[in-house]
């Protein structure tokens, strides 16, 4: 089972809001997920991200692969 850490879009049209979730790579992007580990709001200036560092580090140590955007968010948050 390939596990990914990626963004799940929620929110209204033209007002995006994202949840950072851990999911199987076979599931659709906005579908089923294993665990929610944070949020990302690009609408604020500067953009706001809240990440549970313990859960993120746990999933990274277990072999979950973050997407490129999530890697940037983790870098801003000081994870890994």
C-alpha atoms as a PDB file:
ATOM      1  CA  UNK A   1       0.000   0.000   0.000  1.00  0.00           C
ATOM      2  CA  UNK A   2       1.573   3.295  -1.138  1.00  0.00           C
ATOM      3  CA  UNK A   3       0.694   6.042   1.309  1.00  0.00           C
ATOM      4  CA  UNK A   4       0.744   9.727   0.303  1.00  0.00           C
ATOM      5  CA  UNK A   5       0.475  12.939   2.289  1.00  0.00           C
ATOM      6  CA  UNK A   6      -1.487  15.364   0.130  1.00  0.00           C
ATOM      7  CA  UNK A   7      -4.013  18.195   0.089  1.00  0.00           C
ATOM      8  CA  UNK A   8      -7.755  17.575   0.070  1.00  0.00           C
ATOM      9  CA  UNK A   9      -9.690  20.570  -1.246  1.00  0.00           C
ATOM     10  CA  UNK A  10     -12.758  21.747   0.606  1.00  0.00           C
ATOM     11  CA  UNK A  11     -14.481  25.109   0.555  1.00  0.00           C
ATOM     12  CA  UNK A  12     -16.639  27.021  -1.873  1.00  0.00           C
ATOM     13  CA  UNK A  13     -16.029  27.885  -5.482  1.00  0.00           C
ATOM     14  CA  UNK A  14     -13.171  30.425  -5.843  1.00  0.00           C
ATOM     15  CA  UNK A  15     -12.511  30.239  -2.071  1.00  0.00           C
ATOM     16  CA  UNK A  16     -10.258  27.210  -1.645  1.00  0.00           C
ATOM     17  CA  UNK A  17      -9.395  25.703   1.730  1.00  0.00           C
ATOM     18  CA  UNK A  18      -7.332  22.554   2.077  1.00  0.00           C
ATOM     19  CA  UNK A  19      -6.866  19.792   4.610  1.00  0.00           C
ATOM     20  CA  UNK A  20      -3.546  17.960   4.767  1.00  0.00           C
ATOM     21  CA  UNK A  21      -4.430  14.284   4.810  1.00  0.00           C
ATOM     22  CA  UNK A  22      -2.717  10.909   4.723  1.00  0.00           C
ATOM     23  CA  UNK A  23      -4.307   8.576   2.199  1.00  0.00           C
ATOM     24  CA  UNK A  24      -3.676   5.565   0.017  1.00  0.00           C
ATOM     25  CA  UNK A  25      -2.441   6.675  -3.402  1.00  0.00           C
ATOM     26  CA  UNK A  26      -5.185   4.624  -5.074  1.00  0.00           C
ATOM     27  CA  UNK A  27      -7.980   6.687  -3.499  1.00  0.00           C
ATOM     28  CA  UNK A  28      -9.252   9.819  -5.306  1.00  0.00           C
ATOM     29  CA  UNK A  29      -7.797  13.154  -4.171  1.00  0.00           C
ATOM     30  CA  UNK A  30     -11.004  14.357  -2.504  1.00  0.00           C
ATOM     31  CA  UNK A  31     -12.102  10.893  -1.437  1.00  0.00           C
ATOM     32  CA  UNK A  32     -11.424   8.565   1.445  1.00  0.00           C
ATOM     33  CA  UNK A  33      -8.399   9.228   3.679  1.00  0.00           C
ATOM     34  CA  UNK A  34      -6.644   7.560   6.593  1.00  0.00           C
ATOM     35  CA  UNK A  35      -5.953  10.540   8.865  1.00  0.00           C
ATOM     36  CA  UNK A  36      -6.105  14.344   8.824  1.00  0.00           C
ATOM     37  CA  UNK A  37      -2.889  15.977  10.044  1.00  0.00           C
ATOM     38  CA  UNK A  38      -3.418  19.674   9.324  1.00  0.00           C
ATOM     39  CA  UNK A  39      -4.972  22.516   7.337  1.00  0.00           C
ATOM     40  CA  UNK A  40      -3.800  25.045   4.733  1.00  0.00           C
ATOM     41  CA  UNK A  41      -5.558  28.319   3.895  1.00  0.00           C
ATOM     42  CA  UNK A  42      -4.113  30.182   0.864  1.00  0.00           C
ATOM     43  CA  UNK A  43      -6.732  32.979   1.104  1.00  0.00           C
ATOM     44  CA  UNK A  44      -5.079  34.810   3.983  1.00  0.00           C
ATOM     45  CA  UNK A  45      -2.081  37.085   3.542  1.00  0.00           C
ATOM     46  CA  UNK A  46       0.351  35.434   4.271  1.00  0.00           C
ATOM     47  CA  UNK A  47      -1.157  31.980   3.777  1.00  0.00           C
ATOM     48  CA  UNK A  48      -1.930  30.060   6.960  1.00  0.00           C
ATOM     49  CA  UNK A  49      -0.978  26.461   7.619  1.00  0.00           C
ATOM     50  CA  UNK A  50      -1.483  24.434  10.783  1.00  0.00           C
ATOM     51  CA  UNK A  51       0.235  21.052  10.971  1.00  0.00           C
ATOM     52  CA  UNK A  52       0.287  18.508  13.785  1.00  0.00           C
ATOM     53  CA  UNK A  53       4.062  17.919  13.853  1.00  0.00           C
ATOM     54  CA  UNK A  54       3.885  14.669  15.819  1.00  0.00           C
ATOM     55  CA  UNK A  55       1.521  13.039  13.330  1.00  0.00           C
ATOM     56  CA  UNK A  56       3.457  14.359  10.330  1.00  0.00           C
ATOM     57  CA  UNK A  57       6.750  13.001  11.656  1.00  0.00           C
ATOM     58  CA  UNK A  58       5.096   9.678  12.506  1.00  0.00           C
ATOM     59  CA  UNK A  59       3.767   9.231   8.969  1.00  0.00           C
ATOM     60  CA  UNK A  60       7.028  10.361   7.353  1.00  0.00           C
ATOM     61  CA  UNK A  61       8.967   7.851   9.464  1.00  0.00           C
ATOM     62  CA  UNK A  62       6.513   5.133   8.432  1.00  0.00           C
ATOM     63  CA  UNK A  63       7.280   5.793   4.754  1.00  0.00           C
ATOM     64  CA  UNK A  64       4.486   8.120   3.618  1.00  0.00           C
ATOM     65  CA  UNK A  65       5.524  10.260   0.628  1.00  0.00           C
ATOM     66  CA  UNK A  66       4.445  13.944   0.670  1.00  0.00           C
ATOM     67  CA  UNK A  67       3.490  15.690  -2.572  1.00  0.00           C
ATOM     68  CA  UNK A  68       5.531  18.684  -3.758  1.00  0.00           C
ATOM     69  CA  UNK A  69       3.133  21.269  -2.280  1.00  0.00           C
ATOM     70  CA  UNK A  70       3.001  19.448   1.052  1.00  0.00           C
ATOM     71  CA  UNK A  71       6.817  19.320   1.118  1.00  0.00           C
ATOM     72  CA  UNK A  72       6.869  23.128   0.811  1.00  0.00           C
ATOM     73  CA  UNK A  73       4.289  23.475   3.600  1.00  0.00           C
ATOM     74  CA  UNK A  74       6.317  21.141   5.847  1.00  0.00           C
ATOM     75  CA  UNK A  75       9.460  23.150   5.094  1.00  0.00           C
ATOM     76  CA  UNK A  76       7.702  26.383   6.160  1.00  0.00           C
ATOM     77  CA  UNK A  77       6.459  24.686   9.311  1.00  0.00           C
ATOM     78  CA  UNK A  78       9.963  23.391  10.123  1.00  0.00           C
ATOM     79  CA  UNK A  79       9.193  19.697   9.711  1.00  0.00           C
ATOM     80  CA  UNK A  80      12.007  17.500   8.368  1.00  0.00           C
END
